[in-house]
Amino acid sequence: MSNLNQEHGKEAYIGPEAVLEKRKHYFFPCTHHFYKKPPQIVRGEMQYLYDDEGNKYVDFFAGVSVVACGHCNEQITAKTIEQLQTLQHTTTIYLTQPMVDLAERLANGILPGKLKRTFFCNSGSEANEGAMLLARLYTKRRDFIALEHGLHGRTYLTMGVTGIPMWRSDDYLDTGVTFIPRPYDPELDDEVAARHSLEALREVLAAKGDTIAAMIVEPIQGNGGMITPPDWYFREVKMLLERYGVLLIADEIQTGFGRTGKMFAMDHYGVVPDIISMAKALGNGVPIGAFATTDEIAASFNRPSASTFGGNPVSAVTALAVLDYIENEGLVERAEMVGGRLLNGLRVLQEKHSLIADVRGKGFMCGAELRGTDAQESAALTDAVLEKMKDRGYIIGKNGTGRNVLAFQPPIIMPSEDVNAMLNTLDDVLTAIEAEGC
């Protein structure tokens, strides 16, 4: 691609190496990327990304579960552009129709159970922070329970309930959080691990249940390694919490809006949380966050509060277009069907390749855990797979506490043909890595 001219306020085009140098000079050292040789992404179109040299990549990560409806989906971006050119911004203190239309739409047929009232904000971290504040206001209690190896955000309260060490950047976090084992242990049967988790919850509630405002959980731990509890687990959790008047906050930031084959992942478990947090896929790339609850719980949040950008007309109109697209294109059912094929395909590869130790997930939220001789080799194997898959035209992610889980969270519009082609390529890559003995 030839250099772009510096016209109309645009910066002149520079290549990937120069962009990397700028990152080193102007970004914080905490920011990273996946690849040794990262492509410079310049364009997206539905399930595809393109770099500055015109190479095409099939995106199986969707910007960490964000663009569920596809990159630059014309049916959605048309609504975004129209609103952007009409009224770009006010705030929640002014009366505009899009945000109340969005709240009404969520309350009527999208949100589970009696969840009805929504507070809009900008991100998943902010949504979880607001949900936790709401729990404190309603229960008049201070403390929280969280699962080990969960990830809930980078704000003060949300980092406090985050159980992945690498994401707990603050050395002075709130100590009013009790972590219990998650319902997964690689050394145990899943049912046994879930029972251990439940027993730990019983002990915590018996000891200090009257001080705990809420338990916050991801229905499927994304960054924790695609941990998917047994179907009965959250029902048992909810019943225990109710005995002590403790609220359940479902962090559906990654799992919401069809990704797992249900509108919300908690639907798989037959559980309606007291508070639900949302973001990512709701905006399909336009920043938006929200948390929702019942009339009764919402009534406790009566002190003045607002969000400067929360529910602004552009994000609200975009979210409405996203919900239309999900419904009209049957994306929830598509995630269950085509995502199921992806999950089954990964399990077939597991039988063939000893490097794959486990496959987990639901719908289009799947993980394949790679294990070498030790943790360092496991992480190195994962990086090698990512690099080789990228070089063959596929973008996939990684997560897990050891950064050794291949993460598959593609746009839900991903066709079966691309799923099959990716699985075939992954098969070839794993075969090559095994032959290299690395």
Protein backbone atom coordinates (compact mmCIF):
# COMPACT_ATOMS: atom_id res chain seq x y z
CA MET A 1 0.00 0.00 0.00
CA SER A 2 1.41 3.40 -0.93
CA ASN A 3 1.81 6.05 1.69
CA LEU A 4 -1.29 8.05 2.42
CA ASN A 5 -0.99 11.76 1.87
CA GLN A 6 -1.36 14.08 4.82
CA GLU A 7 -4.62 15.68 3.70
CA HIS A 8 -7.77 16.89 5.39
CA GLY A 9 -6.24 16.64 8.85
CA LYS A 10 -5.11 13.02 8.42
CA GLU A 11 -1.67 11.96 9.57
CA ALA A 12 0.64 10.56 6.88
CA TYR A 13 0.67 6.78 6.66
CA ILE A 14 3.47 4.98 8.48
CA GLY A 15 4.23 1.26 8.53
CA PRO A 16 3.91 -1.25 11.38
CA GLU A 17 7.51 -0.83 12.55
CA ALA A 18 7.06 2.93 12.95
CA VAL A 19 3.76 2.40 14.78
CA LEU A 20 5.52 0.03 17.19
CA GLU A 21 8.17 2.68 17.83
CA LYS A 22 5.49 5.28 18.56
CA ARG A 23 3.88 2.88 21.05
CA LYS A 24 7.20 2.54 22.85
CA HIS A 25 7.60 6.31 23.09
CA TYR A 26 4.05 7.45 23.87
CA PHE A 27 2.15 4.56 25.50
CA PHE A 28 2.38 3.28 29.03
CA PRO A 29 4.55 0.15 29.41
CA CYS A 30 1.47 -1.82 30.56
CA THR A 31 0.12 -2.03 27.00
CA HIS A 32 0.98 -5.11 24.98
CA HIS A 33 0.02 -6.96 21.80
CA PHE A 34 -0.06 -10.67 20.99
CA TYR A 35 2.44 -11.03 18.17
CA LYS A 36 6.18 -10.88 17.54
CA LYS A 37 5.36 -9.47 14.13
CA PRO A 38 2.00 -7.73 14.57
CA PRO A 39 0.10 -6.70 11.46
CA GLN A 40 -1.14 -3.12 11.26
CA ILE A 41 -4.91 -3.43 10.96
CA VAL A 42 -6.45 -0.72 8.81
CA ARG A 43 -9.89 -2.02 7.79
CA GLY A 44 -12.64 -4.38 8.88
CA GLU A 45 -15.58 -5.90 7.01
CA MET A 46 -17.92 -8.33 8.81
CA GLN A 47 -15.76 -11.35 9.78
CA TYR A 48 -12.65 -10.01 8.04
CA LEU A 49 -9.78 -7.71 9.00
CA TYR A 50 -7.23 -6.24 6.57
CA ASP A 51 -3.73 -4.99 7.23
CA ASP A 52 -1.81 -2.14 5.64
CA GLU A 53 -0.38 -4.48 2.99
CA GLY A 54 -3.80 -5.72 1.91
CA ASN A 55 -3.60 -9.09 3.65
CA LYS A 56 -6.95 -10.49 4.78
CA TYR A 57 -7.53 -12.17 8.13
CA VAL A 58 -10.56 -14.10 9.36
CA ASP A 59 -11.23 -12.70 12.83
CA PHE A 60 -11.97 -15.35 15.47
CA PHE A 61 -11.58 -12.94 18.41
CA ALA A 62 -13.93 -10.04 17.50
CA GLY A 63 -11.96 -7.48 19.45
CA VAL A 64 -12.41 -9.59 22.62
CA SER A 65 -16.05 -10.52 22.08
CA VAL A 66 -17.14 -7.05 20.90
CA VAL A 67 -18.13 -7.05 17.21
CA ALA A 68 -20.67 -9.85 17.45
CA CYS A 69 -22.54 -8.49 14.43
CA GLY A 70 -19.38 -8.11 12.35
CA HIS A 71 -16.90 -5.33 11.64
CA CYS A 72 -18.38 -2.20 10.07
CA ASN A 73 -21.75 -3.91 9.59
CA GLU A 74 -23.48 -1.60 7.13
CA GLN A 75 -26.95 -2.14 8.60
CA ILE A 76 -25.68 -0.91 11.97
CA THR A 77 -23.15 1.74 10.94
CA ALA A 78 -25.73 3.43 8.72
CA LYS A 79 -27.81 4.15 11.82
CA THR A 80 -24.71 5.26 13.73
CA ILE A 81 -23.66 7.70 10.99
CA GLU A 82 -27.16 9.10 10.61
CA GLN A 83 -27.36 9.84 14.34
CA LEU A 84 -23.79 11.16 14.41
CA GLN A 85 -24.74 13.73 11.79
CA THR A 86 -27.98 14.66 13.55
CA LEU A 87 -27.25 14.86 17.29
CA GLN A 88 -23.90 13.59 18.50
CA HIS A 89 -24.01 14.27 22.22
CA THR A 90 -25.96 15.52 25.16
CA THR A 91 -25.91 13.75 28.52
CA THR A 92 -28.30 11.92 30.82
CA ILE A 93 -29.50 15.19 32.36
CA TYR A 94 -31.15 16.15 29.05
CA LEU A 95 -34.20 14.55 27.50
CA THR A 96 -33.45 12.55 24.36
CA GLN A 97 -35.44 9.69 22.90
CA PRO A 98 -32.76 7.11 21.89
CA MET A 99 -31.65 6.20 25.40
CA VAL A 100 -35.18 5.77 26.75
CA ASP A 101 -36.07 3.72 23.67
CA LEU A 102 -33.05 1.52 24.38
CA ALA A 103 -33.98 1.09 28.05
CA GLU A 104 -37.54 0.21 27.05
CA ARG A 105 -36.31 -2.28 24.45
CA LEU A 106 -34.05 -3.99 26.97
CA ALA A 107 -36.86 -4.22 29.52
CA ASN A 108 -39.33 -5.71 27.05
CA GLY A 109 -38.07 -9.06 25.86
CA ILE A 110 -34.28 -8.76 26.25
CA LEU A 111 -33.51 -8.65 29.97
CA PRO A 112 -34.41 -11.76 31.97
CA GLY A 113 -37.06 -12.02 34.68
CA LYS A 114 -38.12 -8.79 36.37
CA LEU A 115 -34.99 -6.85 35.47
CA LYS A 116 -36.34 -3.61 34.09
CA ARG A 117 -34.41 -0.46 35.00
CA THR A 118 -31.12 0.38 33.28
CA PHE A 119 -28.30 2.81 34.04
CA PHE A 120 -26.14 3.57 30.99
CA CYS A 121 -22.40 4.25 31.11
CA ASN A 122 -19.35 3.78 28.88
CA SER A 123 -17.63 0.46 29.52
CA GLY A 124 -17.79 -2.92 31.20
CA SER A 125 -15.60 -1.76 34.07
CA GLU A 126 -17.90 1.17 34.73
CA ALA A 127 -20.98 -1.06 34.48
CA ASN A 128 -19.61 -3.46 37.08
CA GLU A 129 -18.52 -0.59 39.31
CA GLY A 130 -22.05 0.81 39.19
CA ALA A 131 -23.58 -2.61 39.84
CA MET A 132 -21.43 -3.05 42.94
CA LEU A 133 -22.32 0.42 44.22
CA LEU A 134 -25.99 -0.37 43.68
CA ALA A 135 -25.64 -3.58 45.69
CA ARG A 136 -24.14 -1.63 48.58
CA LEU A 137 -26.89 0.97 48.47
CA TYR A 138 -29.65 -1.63 48.45
CA THR A 139 -28.30 -4.02 51.08
CA LYS A 140 -26.58 -1.36 53.22
CA ARG A 141 -23.65 -3.77 53.43
CA ARG A 142 -20.07 -3.24 52.31
CA ASP A 143 -18.38 -6.48 51.32
CA PHE A 144 -18.34 -8.78 48.29
CA ILE A 145 -17.69 -12.38 47.30
CA ALA A 146 -15.95 -13.19 44.02
CA LEU A 147 -14.60 -16.27 42.28
CA GLU A 148 -10.89 -16.86 42.00
CA HIS A 149 -9.48 -16.06 38.55
CA GLY A 150 -12.41 -13.87 37.52
CA LEU A 151 -11.95 -10.55 35.69
CA HIS A 152 -14.39 -7.70 36.29
CA GLY A 153 -12.58 -4.48 35.36
CA ARG A 154 -9.85 -1.96 36.00
CA THR A 155 -11.66 0.53 38.25
CA TYR A 156 -11.23 0.52 42.03
CA LEU A 157 -14.08 -1.76 43.07
CA THR A 158 -13.90 -3.98 39.99
CA MET A 159 -10.17 -4.56 40.29
CA GLY A 160 -10.79 -5.49 43.91
CA VAL A 161 -13.06 -8.37 42.89
CA THR A 162 -10.79 -9.42 40.02
CA GLY A 163 -9.04 -12.66 40.93
CA ILE A 164 -6.43 -12.87 38.16
CA PRO A 165 -3.14 -11.63 39.65
CA MET A 166 -1.87 -10.02 36.42
CA TRP A 167 -4.93 -7.73 36.30
CA ARG A 168 -4.72 -6.62 39.96
CA SER A 169 -2.44 -3.64 39.26
CA ASP A 170 -3.28 -1.62 42.36
CA ASP A 171 -1.28 -2.50 45.48
CA TYR A 172 -3.87 -0.80 47.71
CA LEU A 173 -7.08 -2.56 46.78
CA ASP A 174 -10.15 -2.81 49.00
CA THR A 175 -9.83 -5.70 51.44
CA GLY A 176 -13.58 -6.24 51.80
CA VAL A 177 -13.57 -9.01 49.20
CA THR A 178 -13.60 -12.74 49.89
CA PHE A 179 -12.51 -15.00 47.06
CA ILE A 180 -13.76 -18.57 46.85
CA PRO A 181 -12.49 -21.31 44.52
CA ARG A 182 -14.02 -21.22 41.09
CA PRO A 183 -16.00 -24.28 39.96
CA TYR A 184 -12.99 -25.65 38.08
CA ASP A 185 -9.76 -27.37 39.00
CA PRO A 186 -7.61 -29.14 36.40
CA GLU A 187 -6.82 -31.80 38.97
CA LEU A 188 -10.47 -32.56 39.75
CA ASP A 189 -13.61 -33.72 38.00
CA ASP A 190 -15.77 -30.70 37.10
CA GLU A 191 -18.61 -31.84 39.35
CA VAL A 192 -16.26 -32.28 42.31
CA ALA A 193 -14.62 -28.90 41.72
CA ALA A 194 -18.03 -27.22 41.59
CA ARG A 195 -19.06 -28.88 44.86
CA HIS A 196 -15.86 -27.63 46.51
CA SER A 197 -16.65 -24.11 45.31
CA LEU A 198 -20.18 -24.34 46.67
CA GLU A 199 -18.98 -25.60 50.05
CA ALA A 200 -16.55 -22.68 50.28
CA LEU A 201 -19.45 -20.31 49.58
CA ARG A 202 -21.47 -21.91 52.38
CA GLU A 203 -18.60 -21.39 54.82
CA VAL A 204 -18.13 -17.73 53.88
CA LEU A 205 -21.83 -16.97 54.15
CA ALA A 206 -22.09 -18.73 57.52
CA ALA A 207 -19.14 -16.74 58.85
CA LYS A 208 -19.97 -13.25 57.57
CA GLY A 209 -23.07 -13.34 55.38
CA ASP A 210 -24.56 -10.33 57.16
CA THR A 211 -21.68 -8.11 55.96
CA ILE A 212 -21.80 -9.11 52.27
CA ALA A 213 -23.67 -7.00 49.74
CA ALA A 214 -23.28 -9.20 46.67
CA MET A 215 -21.45 -11.96 44.90
CA ILE A 216 -20.21 -11.04 41.43
CA VAL A 217 -19.62 -13.76 38.83
CA GLU A 218 -18.98 -14.27 35.15
CA PRO A 219 -21.33 -17.02 33.92
CA ILE A 220 -18.36 -18.21 31.85
CA GLN A 221 -14.96 -16.93 32.95
CA GLY A 222 -13.49 -15.48 29.76
CA ASN A 223 -10.02 -14.26 30.69
CA GLY A 224 -9.86 -16.98 33.32
CA GLY A 225 -9.73 -19.58 30.53
CA MET A 226 -13.30 -20.14 29.28
CA ILE A 227 -14.35 -21.83 32.51
CA THR A 228 -17.87 -23.22 32.12
CA PRO A 229 -19.52 -24.49 35.33
CA PRO A 230 -21.88 -27.48 35.50
CA ASP A 231 -25.47 -26.56 34.68
CA TRP A 232 -26.63 -26.82 38.32
CA TYR A 233 -23.91 -24.65 39.84
CA PHE A 234 -25.40 -21.16 39.65
CA ARG A 235 -28.85 -22.36 40.74
CA GLU A 236 -27.27 -23.65 43.95
CA VAL A 237 -25.29 -20.43 44.34
CA LYS A 238 -28.41 -18.27 43.97
CA MET A 239 -30.37 -20.29 46.55
CA LEU A 240 -27.54 -19.97 49.07
CA LEU A 241 -27.19 -16.23 48.52
CA GLU A 242 -30.92 -15.66 48.96
CA ARG A 243 -30.84 -17.26 52.42
CA TYR A 244 -28.51 -14.50 53.57
CA GLY A 245 -30.00 -11.60 51.60
CA VAL A 246 -26.91 -11.39 49.38
CA LEU A 247 -27.41 -10.20 45.80
CA LEU A 248 -26.10 -11.95 42.72
CA ILE A 249 -24.42 -9.75 40.08
CA ALA A 250 -24.00 -11.42 36.70
CA ASP A 251 -21.12 -9.92 34.75
CA GLU A 252 -22.29 -10.52 31.18
CA ILE A 253 -19.77 -8.14 29.62
CA GLN A 254 -18.25 -10.85 27.41
CA THR A 255 -21.06 -13.39 27.42
CA GLY A 256 -24.09 -11.21 26.71
CA PHE A 257 -26.20 -10.68 23.58
CA GLY A 258 -26.16 -14.09 22.00
CA ARG A 259 -22.53 -15.10 22.19
CA THR A 260 -23.09 -18.37 24.07
CA GLY A 261 -26.25 -19.45 22.23
CA LYS A 262 -28.56 -17.66 24.68
CA MET A 263 -29.26 -13.93 24.90
CA PHE A 264 -27.45 -13.99 28.25
CA ALA A 265 -25.24 -16.82 29.44
CA MET A 266 -27.09 -17.06 32.77
CA ASP A 267 -30.05 -18.33 30.75
CA HIS A 268 -28.15 -21.61 30.32
CA TYR A 269 -28.31 -22.12 34.07
CA GLY A 270 -31.94 -21.15 34.62
CA VAL A 271 -30.94 -18.26 36.90
CA VAL A 272 -32.11 -14.64 36.93
CA PRO A 273 -29.51 -12.47 38.67
CA ASP A 274 -30.44 -9.51 40.85
CA ILE A 275 -28.24 -7.18 38.81
CA ILE A 276 -26.81 -7.71 35.34
CA SER A 277 -23.95 -5.78 33.71
CA MET A 278 -23.59 -5.37 29.95
CA ALA A 279 -21.20 -3.81 27.43
CA LYS A 280 -19.06 -4.97 24.47
CA ALA A 281 -21.46 -6.61 21.96
CA LEU A 282 -24.27 -4.18 22.78
CA GLY A 283 -22.38 -1.45 20.90
CA ASN A 284 -20.66 -3.67 18.29
CA GLY A 285 -17.58 -1.45 18.59
CA VAL A 286 -19.23 1.79 19.73
CA PRO A 287 -18.44 2.32 23.44
CA ILE A 288 -21.37 1.52 25.71
CA GLY A 289 -21.95 -0.04 29.10
CA ALA A 290 -25.00 -0.59 31.28
CA PHE A 291 -26.27 -2.33 34.37
CA ALA A 292 -29.88 -3.27 35.00
CA THR A 293 -31.99 -4.45 37.90
CA THR A 294 -35.53 -4.65 39.29
CA ASP A 295 -37.80 -1.80 40.33
CA GLU A 296 -37.22 -2.63 43.99
CA ILE A 297 -33.43 -2.65 43.89
CA ALA A 298 -33.24 0.36 41.55
CA ALA A 299 -35.27 2.42 44.03
CA SER A 300 -32.30 2.39 46.43
CA PHE A 301 -30.11 4.28 43.94
CA ASN A 302 -31.74 7.64 44.68
CA ARG A 303 -28.74 9.86 45.31
CA PRO A 304 -27.74 12.18 42.45
CA SER A 305 -25.72 10.42 39.76
CA ALA A 306 -25.12 10.77 36.04
CA SER A 307 -22.80 9.64 33.26
CA THR A 308 -21.50 12.28 30.89
CA PHE A 309 -21.36 9.93 27.91
CA GLY A 310 -23.60 7.14 29.17
CA GLY A 311 -26.61 6.63 26.92
CA ASN A 312 -25.57 9.33 24.48
CA PRO A 313 -27.65 9.35 21.28
CA VAL A 314 -24.98 7.75 19.07
CA SER A 315 -24.33 4.76 21.33
CA ALA A 316 -28.05 4.31 22.08
CA VAL A 317 -29.10 4.34 18.42
CA THR A 318 -26.25 1.95 17.60
CA ALA A 319 -27.32 -0.42 20.36
CA LEU A 320 -30.91 -0.40 19.10
CA ALA A 321 -29.62 -1.29 15.62
CA VAL A 322 -27.53 -4.09 17.17
CA LEU A 323 -30.57 -5.55 18.92
CA ASP A 324 -32.54 -5.36 15.67
CA TYR A 325 -29.78 -7.16 13.80
CA ILE A 326 -29.41 -9.88 16.44
CA GLU A 327 -33.16 -10.55 16.26
CA ASN A 328 -33.61 -10.26 12.50
CA GLU A 329 -30.60 -12.43 11.66
CA GLY A 330 -31.25 -15.02 14.37
CA LEU A 331 -27.78 -14.60 15.85
CA VAL A 332 -28.62 -16.24 19.18
CA GLU A 333 -29.67 -19.43 17.40
CA ARG A 334 -26.72 -19.10 15.03
CA ALA A 335 -24.25 -18.95 17.93
CA GLU A 336 -25.73 -22.15 19.32
CA MET A 337 -25.65 -23.99 15.99
CA VAL A 338 -22.45 -22.80 14.29
CA GLY A 339 -20.67 -22.21 17.60
CA GLY A 340 -21.57 -25.77 18.52
CA ARG A 341 -19.81 -26.94 15.37
CA LEU A 342 -16.74 -24.94 16.37
CA LEU A 343 -16.74 -26.50 19.85
CA ASN A 344 -17.18 -30.02 18.47
CA GLY A 345 -14.45 -29.39 15.91
CA LEU A 346 -12.03 -28.35 18.65
CA ARG A 347 -12.87 -31.52 20.57
CA VAL A 348 -12.06 -33.59 17.47
CA LEU A 349 -8.69 -31.84 17.32
CA GLN A 350 -8.18 -32.57 21.02
CA GLU A 351 -8.47 -36.28 20.30
CA LYS A 352 -5.85 -35.96 17.57
CA HIS A 353 -3.35 -33.59 19.21
CA SER A 354 -1.87 -34.23 22.63
CA LEU A 355 -1.02 -30.53 22.93
CA ILE A 356 -4.72 -29.77 23.51
CA ALA A 357 -5.39 -30.68 27.13
CA ASP A 358 -8.97 -29.45 27.36
CA VAL A 359 -11.73 -27.80 25.35
CA ARG A 360 -14.40 -25.69 27.08
CA GLY A 361 -17.19 -23.25 26.31
CA LYS A 362 -20.66 -22.67 24.95
CA GLY A 363 -21.81 -21.33 21.60
CA PHE A 364 -19.27 -18.96 20.08
CA MET A 365 -17.28 -18.64 23.31
CA CYS A 366 -14.79 -21.50 23.19
CA GLY A 367 -11.36 -22.19 24.59
CA ALA A 368 -8.72 -24.82 23.84
CA GLU A 369 -6.13 -25.18 26.59
CA LEU A 370 -2.62 -26.10 25.47
CA ARG A 371 -0.21 -27.81 27.85
CA GLY A 372 3.48 -28.43 27.46
CA THR A 373 5.89 -29.83 29.99
CA ASP A 374 5.52 -26.80 32.25
CA ALA A 375 3.72 -23.44 32.48
CA GLN A 376 6.40 -21.58 30.53
CA GLU A 377 6.30 -24.03 27.64
CA SER A 378 2.49 -24.02 27.64
CA ALA A 379 2.44 -20.24 27.22
CA ALA A 380 5.14 -20.41 24.55
CA LEU A 381 3.19 -23.04 22.62
CA THR A 382 0.12 -20.82 22.70
CA ASP A 383 2.08 -17.85 21.37
CA ALA A 384 3.53 -20.02 18.62
CA VAL A 385 0.07 -21.15 17.54
CA LEU A 386 -1.21 -17.56 17.53
CA GLU A 387 1.72 -16.42 15.37
CA LYS A 388 1.42 -19.26 12.87
CA MET A 389 -2.36 -18.88 12.63
CA LYS A 390 -1.94 -15.16 12.00
CA ASP A 391 0.57 -15.86 9.26
CA ARG A 392 -2.03 -18.15 7.66
CA GLY A 393 -4.77 -15.52 7.84
CA TYR A 394 -6.55 -16.23 11.13
CA ILE A 395 -6.81 -13.99 14.20
CA ILE A 396 -7.50 -15.86 17.42
CA GLY A 397 -7.05 -14.80 21.03
CA LYS A 398 -5.52 -16.17 24.18
CA ASN A 399 -6.46 -16.14 27.84
CA GLY A 400 -6.28 -18.32 30.95
CA THR A 401 -4.35 -17.82 34.15
CA GLY A 402 -1.24 -19.19 32.44
CA ARG A 403 -1.98 -17.42 29.13
CA ASN A 404 -2.17 -20.87 27.52
CA VAL A 405 -5.78 -21.07 26.35
CA LEU A 406 -6.62 -20.38 22.70
CA ALA A 407 -9.70 -18.14 22.76
CA PHE A 408 -12.34 -18.33 20.03
CA GLN A 409 -14.93 -15.53 20.29
CA PRO A 410 -15.63 -14.64 16.65
CA PRO A 411 -18.31 -12.42 15.21
CA ILE A 412 -21.51 -14.44 15.51
CA ILE A 413 -22.10 -13.94 11.79
CA MET A 414 -19.10 -16.23 11.11
CA PRO A 415 -20.08 -18.72 8.36
CA SER A 416 -19.65 -22.46 8.83
CA GLU A 417 -17.21 -22.55 5.90
CA ASP A 418 -14.82 -20.20 7.70
CA VAL A 419 -15.14 -22.26 10.89
CA ASN A 420 -14.25 -25.43 8.99
CA ALA A 421 -11.35 -23.75 7.18
CA MET A 422 -9.96 -22.39 10.45
CA LEU A 423 -10.16 -25.81 12.12
CA ASN A 424 -8.32 -27.38 9.19
CA THR A 425 -5.63 -24.71 9.41
CA LEU A 426 -5.33 -25.15 13.17
CA ASP A 427 -4.94 -28.89 12.60
CA ASP A 428 -2.05 -28.20 10.20
CA VAL A 429 -0.43 -25.72 12.59
CA LEU A 430 -0.59 -28.09 15.55
CA THR A 431 0.82 -30.88 13.39
CA ALA A 432 3.71 -28.66 12.34
CA ILE A 433 4.45 -27.56 15.92
CA GLU A 434 4.39 -31.15 17.13
CA ALA A 435 6.79 -32.11 14.32
CA GLU A 436 9.12 -29.28 15.32
CA GLY A 437 9.06 -30.54 18.89
CA CYS A 438 8.61 -27.05 20.30
